[in-house]
């Protein structure tokens, strides 16, 4: 009989955090240096304004990113990874490497 290990609460919380829809994509955009809202949105095909705003707020609440209001006219806002958020980069890089090995690209649309 195989031993079944209970799921660690910390592990479960971490997986739920980074596995929330669009969260990985937002973090990935920030790792590539996209800091303003429009840049982040442009880097993530298919994300709606509402969803992006929700994810940015949630990431702030989880202390993975910080929102900086720039003293410019007009006022501009940038989002930056915190130390806590930056430490997720190797985790996401591992997921990217795994996905390139095991997740096939969608087939091109045959109707085009």
N, C-alpha and C. Protein backbone atom coordinates (compact mmCIF):
# COMPACT_ATOMS: atom_id res chain seq x y z
N UNK A 1 0.83 -1.18 0.00
CA UNK A 1 0.00 0.00 0.00
C UNK A 1 0.88 1.25 0.00
N UNK A 2 0.50 2.24 -0.78
CA UNK A 2 1.26 3.47 -0.90
C UNK A 2 0.84 4.45 0.17
N UNK A 3 1.84 5.09 0.78
CA UNK A 3 1.53 6.13 1.76
C UNK A 3 1.00 7.36 1.03
N UNK A 4 -0.06 7.90 1.54
CA UNK A 4 -0.61 9.13 0.99
C UNK A 4 -0.29 10.25 1.96
N UNK A 5 0.42 11.25 1.44
CA UNK A 5 0.81 12.37 2.28
C UNK A 5 -0.28 13.45 2.23
N UNK A 6 -0.65 13.96 3.37
CA UNK A 6 -1.65 15.05 3.35
C UNK A 6 -1.05 16.28 2.66
N UNK A 7 -1.91 17.04 2.03
CA UNK A 7 -1.46 18.24 1.35
C UNK A 7 -1.15 19.30 2.41
N UNK A 8 0.03 19.85 2.31
CA UNK A 8 0.47 20.91 3.21
C UNK A 8 -0.36 22.16 2.94
N UNK A 9 -0.81 22.81 3.98
CA UNK A 9 -1.62 24.02 3.85
C UNK A 9 -0.84 25.10 3.11
N UNK A 10 0.43 25.25 3.39
CA UNK A 10 1.24 26.26 2.69
C UNK A 10 1.32 25.96 1.20
N UNK A 11 1.57 24.70 0.87
CA UNK A 11 1.64 24.31 -0.53
C UNK A 11 0.32 24.60 -1.23
N UNK A 12 -0.78 24.20 -0.63
CA UNK A 12 -2.09 24.40 -1.23
C UNK A 12 -2.37 25.88 -1.45
N UNK A 13 -2.05 26.70 -0.46
CA UNK A 13 -2.26 28.14 -0.58
C UNK A 13 -1.42 28.72 -1.71
N UNK A 14 -0.17 28.30 -1.81
CA UNK A 14 0.72 28.80 -2.87
C UNK A 14 0.23 28.40 -4.25
N UNK A 15 -0.19 27.16 -4.41
CA UNK A 15 -0.69 26.69 -5.70
C UNK A 15 -1.96 27.44 -6.09
N UNK A 16 -2.85 27.64 -5.14
CA UNK A 16 -4.08 28.39 -5.41
C UNK A 16 -3.76 29.84 -5.79
N UNK A 17 -2.76 30.40 -5.14
CA UNK A 17 -2.39 31.78 -5.41
C UNK A 17 -1.86 31.96 -6.83
N UNK A 18 -0.87 31.17 -7.21
CA UNK A 18 -0.28 31.35 -8.54
C UNK A 18 -1.09 30.67 -9.63
N UNK A 19 -2.01 29.79 -9.23
CA UNK A 19 -2.82 29.09 -10.21
C UNK A 19 -4.13 29.78 -10.54
N UNK A 20 -4.42 30.89 -9.88
CA UNK A 20 -5.64 31.63 -10.18
C UNK A 20 -5.57 32.14 -11.61
N UNK A 21 -6.68 32.07 -12.31
CA UNK A 21 -6.71 32.45 -13.73
C UNK A 21 -6.13 33.85 -13.93
N UNK A 22 -5.25 33.98 -14.89
CA UNK A 22 -4.56 35.19 -15.32
C UNK A 22 -3.42 35.62 -14.41
N UNK A 23 -3.32 35.08 -13.20
CA UNK A 23 -2.27 35.51 -12.28
C UNK A 23 -0.88 35.23 -12.84
N UNK A 24 -0.66 34.02 -13.33
CA UNK A 24 0.65 33.69 -13.89
C UNK A 24 1.01 34.59 -15.06
N UNK A 25 0.03 34.91 -15.89
CA UNK A 25 0.28 35.77 -17.04
C UNK A 25 0.65 37.18 -16.60
N UNK A 26 -0.02 37.69 -15.58
CA UNK A 26 0.29 39.02 -15.07
C UNK A 26 1.70 39.03 -14.49
N UNK A 27 2.02 38.04 -13.69
CA UNK A 27 3.37 37.96 -13.12
C UNK A 27 4.42 37.86 -14.22
N UNK A 28 4.15 37.04 -15.22
CA UNK A 28 5.08 36.87 -16.34
C UNK A 28 5.32 38.21 -17.04
N UNK A 29 4.26 38.97 -17.26
CA UNK A 29 4.41 40.27 -17.90
C UNK A 29 5.29 41.19 -17.05
N UNK A 30 5.11 41.15 -15.75
CA UNK A 30 5.93 41.98 -14.87
C UNK A 30 7.38 41.52 -14.85
N UNK A 31 7.62 40.22 -14.95
CA UNK A 31 9.00 39.71 -15.01
C UNK A 31 9.72 40.20 -16.27
N UNK A 32 8.97 40.46 -17.34
CA UNK A 32 9.59 40.91 -18.58
C UNK A 32 9.71 42.43 -18.64
N UNK A 33 9.39 43.11 -17.56
CA UNK A 33 9.60 44.54 -17.49
C UNK A 33 8.41 45.39 -17.87
N UNK A 34 7.23 44.79 -18.05
CA UNK A 34 6.02 45.56 -18.35
C UNK A 34 5.48 46.08 -17.04
N UNK A 35 5.43 47.39 -16.87
CA UNK A 35 5.05 47.94 -15.57
C UNK A 35 3.77 48.77 -15.58
N UNK A 36 3.42 49.35 -16.70
CA UNK A 36 2.21 50.17 -16.73
C UNK A 36 1.03 49.31 -17.17
N UNK A 37 -0.16 49.73 -16.75
CA UNK A 37 -1.37 48.95 -16.99
C UNK A 37 -1.51 48.58 -18.47
N UNK A 38 -1.36 49.56 -19.35
CA UNK A 38 -1.54 49.31 -20.79
C UNK A 38 -0.50 48.33 -21.32
N UNK A 39 0.71 48.38 -20.81
CA UNK A 39 1.75 47.44 -21.23
C UNK A 39 1.42 46.02 -20.77
N UNK A 40 0.97 45.91 -19.55
CA UNK A 40 0.61 44.60 -19.01
C UNK A 40 -0.55 44.02 -19.81
N UNK A 41 -1.56 44.84 -20.06
CA UNK A 41 -2.73 44.39 -20.84
C UNK A 41 -2.32 43.95 -22.24
N UNK A 42 -1.45 44.70 -22.89
CA UNK A 42 -0.99 44.36 -24.24
C UNK A 42 -0.19 43.06 -24.26
N UNK A 43 0.46 42.74 -23.15
CA UNK A 43 1.28 41.53 -23.07
C UNK A 43 0.46 40.27 -22.83
N UNK A 44 -0.83 40.43 -22.49
CA UNK A 44 -1.66 39.29 -22.13
C UNK A 44 -2.88 39.24 -23.05
N UNK A 45 -2.78 38.53 -24.17
CA UNK A 45 -3.92 38.45 -25.09
C UNK A 45 -5.14 37.85 -24.41
N UNK A 46 -6.28 38.50 -24.61
CA UNK A 46 -7.54 37.94 -24.11
C UNK A 46 -7.97 38.38 -22.73
N UNK A 47 -7.12 39.06 -21.98
CA UNK A 47 -7.52 39.48 -20.64
C UNK A 47 -8.38 40.74 -20.75
N UNK A 48 -9.47 40.77 -20.01
CA UNK A 48 -10.35 41.94 -20.02
C UNK A 48 -9.83 42.98 -19.02
N UNK A 49 -10.28 44.21 -19.18
CA UNK A 49 -9.91 45.26 -18.24
C UNK A 49 -10.34 44.91 -16.82
N UNK A 50 -11.56 44.40 -16.69
CA UNK A 50 -12.09 44.04 -15.37
C UNK A 50 -11.23 42.96 -14.72
N UNK A 51 -10.89 41.92 -15.47
CA UNK A 51 -10.11 40.82 -14.92
C UNK A 51 -8.71 41.28 -14.56
N UNK A 52 -8.09 42.08 -15.43
CA UNK A 52 -6.74 42.56 -15.13
C UNK A 52 -6.74 43.42 -13.88
N UNK A 53 -7.71 44.30 -13.76
CA UNK A 53 -7.81 45.14 -12.55
C UNK A 53 -7.98 44.28 -11.31
N UNK A 54 -8.82 43.24 -11.39
CA UNK A 54 -9.03 42.34 -10.26
C UNK A 54 -7.74 41.62 -9.88
N UNK A 55 -7.02 41.12 -10.89
CA UNK A 55 -5.78 40.38 -10.61
C UNK A 55 -4.72 41.30 -10.01
N UNK A 56 -4.61 42.52 -10.54
CA UNK A 56 -3.62 43.46 -10.00
C UNK A 56 -3.94 43.78 -8.54
N UNK A 57 -5.22 43.99 -8.22
CA UNK A 57 -5.60 44.26 -6.83
C UNK A 57 -5.29 43.05 -5.93
N UNK A 58 -5.62 41.86 -6.42
CA UNK A 58 -5.36 40.65 -5.62
C UNK A 58 -3.86 40.45 -5.39
N UNK A 59 -3.06 40.70 -6.41
CA UNK A 59 -1.61 40.55 -6.27
C UNK A 59 -1.05 41.58 -5.30
N UNK A 60 -1.65 42.77 -5.26
CA UNK A 60 -1.25 43.76 -4.28
C UNK A 60 -1.61 43.29 -2.87
N UNK A 61 -2.83 42.78 -2.71
CA UNK A 61 -3.27 42.29 -1.40
C UNK A 61 -2.39 41.15 -0.90
N UNK A 62 -1.91 40.33 -1.84
CA UNK A 62 -1.03 39.21 -1.47
C UNK A 62 0.43 39.64 -1.36
N UNK A 63 0.67 40.93 -1.54
CA UNK A 63 2.00 41.53 -1.41
C UNK A 63 3.01 40.98 -2.42
N UNK A 64 2.53 40.59 -3.59
CA UNK A 64 3.43 40.14 -4.65
C UNK A 64 3.82 41.29 -5.58
N UNK A 65 2.97 42.30 -5.65
CA UNK A 65 3.27 43.50 -6.43
C UNK A 65 2.94 44.73 -5.62
N UNK A 66 3.52 45.85 -6.03
CA UNK A 66 3.13 47.12 -5.44
C UNK A 66 2.76 48.08 -6.54
N UNK A 67 1.82 48.95 -6.23
CA UNK A 67 1.32 49.95 -7.16
C UNK A 67 2.00 51.26 -6.82
N UNK A 68 2.63 51.88 -7.82
CA UNK A 68 3.32 53.15 -7.61
C UNK A 68 2.66 54.22 -8.48
N UNK A 69 2.25 55.30 -7.83
CA UNK A 69 1.68 56.44 -8.54
C UNK A 69 2.83 57.40 -8.83
N UNK A 70 3.05 57.69 -10.12
CA UNK A 70 4.14 58.56 -10.52
C UNK A 70 3.70 60.02 -10.47
N UNK A 71 4.59 60.87 -10.05
CA UNK A 71 4.30 62.30 -9.95
C UNK A 71 4.51 62.94 -11.32
N UNK A 72 3.57 62.66 -12.21
CA UNK A 72 3.63 63.19 -13.57
C UNK A 72 2.29 63.82 -13.92
N UNK A 73 2.27 64.56 -15.00
CA UNK A 73 1.02 65.10 -15.52
C UNK A 73 0.84 64.59 -16.93
N UNK A 74 -0.18 63.82 -17.23
CA UNK A 74 -1.16 63.29 -16.27
C UNK A 74 -0.52 62.24 -15.35
N UNK A 75 -1.21 61.97 -14.27
CA UNK A 75 -0.71 60.97 -13.31
C UNK A 75 -0.62 59.62 -13.99
N UNK A 76 0.48 58.92 -13.74
CA UNK A 76 0.66 57.57 -14.28
C UNK A 76 0.87 56.60 -13.13
N UNK A 77 0.50 55.35 -13.37
CA UNK A 77 0.64 54.31 -12.36
C UNK A 77 1.49 53.19 -12.94
N UNK A 78 2.39 52.68 -12.11
CA UNK A 78 3.19 51.52 -12.49
C UNK A 78 3.02 50.44 -11.43
N UNK A 79 3.20 49.21 -11.88
CA UNK A 79 3.14 48.06 -10.99
C UNK A 79 4.51 47.40 -10.99
N UNK A 80 5.02 47.08 -9.81
CA UNK A 80 6.33 46.47 -9.67
C UNK A 80 6.24 45.27 -8.75
N UNK A 81 7.04 44.28 -9.05
CA UNK A 81 7.12 43.10 -8.20
C UNK A 81 7.81 43.46 -6.89
N UNK A 82 7.31 42.92 -5.81
CA UNK A 82 7.97 43.05 -4.51
C UNK A 82 9.04 41.96 -4.44
N UNK A 83 9.81 41.96 -3.37
CA UNK A 83 10.79 40.89 -3.19
C UNK A 83 10.09 39.53 -3.17
N UNK A 84 8.97 39.49 -2.52
CA UNK A 84 8.16 38.26 -2.44
C UNK A 84 7.75 37.81 -3.84
N UNK A 85 7.30 38.76 -4.67
CA UNK A 85 6.91 38.44 -6.04
C UNK A 85 8.09 38.03 -6.90
N UNK A 86 9.22 38.73 -6.75
CA UNK A 86 10.41 38.40 -7.54
C UNK A 86 10.89 36.97 -7.29
N UNK A 87 10.70 36.49 -6.08
CA UNK A 87 11.14 35.13 -5.76
C UNK A 87 10.32 34.05 -6.44
N UNK A 88 9.22 34.44 -7.07
CA UNK A 88 8.41 33.47 -7.83
C UNK A 88 8.97 33.23 -9.24
N UNK A 89 9.91 34.05 -9.68
CA UNK A 89 10.40 33.90 -11.05
C UNK A 89 10.92 32.50 -11.37
N UNK A 90 11.79 31.90 -10.54
CA UNK A 90 12.24 30.54 -10.89
C UNK A 90 11.11 29.52 -10.91
N UNK A 91 10.10 29.73 -10.10
CA UNK A 91 8.94 28.83 -10.09
C UNK A 91 8.22 28.91 -11.43
N UNK A 92 7.95 30.14 -11.88
CA UNK A 92 7.26 30.30 -13.17
C UNK A 92 8.13 29.86 -14.33
N UNK A 93 9.45 30.07 -14.24
CA UNK A 93 10.35 29.59 -15.30
C UNK A 93 10.30 28.07 -15.40
N UNK A 94 10.18 27.40 -14.26
CA UNK A 94 10.05 25.94 -14.27
C UNK A 94 8.75 25.51 -14.92
N UNK A 95 7.67 26.22 -14.63
CA UNK A 95 6.37 25.91 -15.25
C UNK A 95 6.46 26.13 -16.76
N UNK A 96 7.12 27.21 -17.17
CA UNK A 96 7.29 27.48 -18.60
C UNK A 96 8.06 26.35 -19.26
N UNK A 97 9.16 25.93 -18.66
CA UNK A 97 9.97 24.84 -19.23
C UNK A 97 9.15 23.56 -19.32
N UNK A 98 8.40 23.25 -18.28
CA UNK A 98 7.55 22.06 -18.28
C UNK A 98 6.51 22.16 -19.39
N UNK A 99 5.89 23.34 -19.55
CA UNK A 99 4.84 23.50 -20.56
C UNK A 99 5.40 23.35 -21.97
N UNK A 100 6.62 23.83 -22.19
CA UNK A 100 7.22 23.70 -23.52
C UNK A 100 7.52 22.23 -23.84
N UNK A 101 7.75 21.45 -22.81
CA UNK A 101 8.03 20.03 -23.03
C UNK A 101 6.74 19.22 -23.21
N UNK A 102 5.68 19.55 -22.46
CA UNK A 102 4.54 18.65 -22.39
C UNK A 102 3.22 19.19 -22.94
N UNK A 103 3.09 20.48 -23.15
CA UNK A 103 1.82 21.03 -23.62
C UNK A 103 1.95 21.37 -25.10
N UNK A 104 1.20 20.67 -25.95
CA UNK A 104 1.30 20.97 -27.38
C UNK A 104 0.64 22.30 -27.71
N UNK A 105 1.16 22.97 -28.73
CA UNK A 105 0.52 24.18 -29.23
C UNK A 105 -0.78 23.79 -29.91
N UNK A 106 -1.76 24.67 -29.87
CA UNK A 106 -3.02 24.36 -30.56
C UNK A 106 -2.77 24.22 -32.07
N UNK A 107 -3.56 23.38 -32.68
CA UNK A 107 -3.45 23.19 -34.12
C UNK A 107 -3.90 24.46 -34.82
N UNK A 108 -3.23 24.81 -35.92
CA UNK A 108 -3.68 25.99 -36.68
C UNK A 108 -5.11 25.75 -37.17
N UNK A 109 -5.87 26.84 -37.23
CA UNK A 109 -7.26 26.76 -37.68
C UNK A 109 -7.29 26.29 -39.15
N UNK A 110 -7.95 25.20 -39.38
CA UNK A 110 -8.03 24.63 -40.73
C UNK A 110 -8.94 25.43 -41.66
N UNK A 111 -9.82 26.27 -41.04
CA UNK A 111 -10.77 27.03 -41.86
C UNK A 111 -10.14 28.24 -42.53
N UNK A 112 -8.98 28.69 -42.06
CA UNK A 112 -8.36 29.89 -42.63
C UNK A 112 -7.81 29.64 -44.00
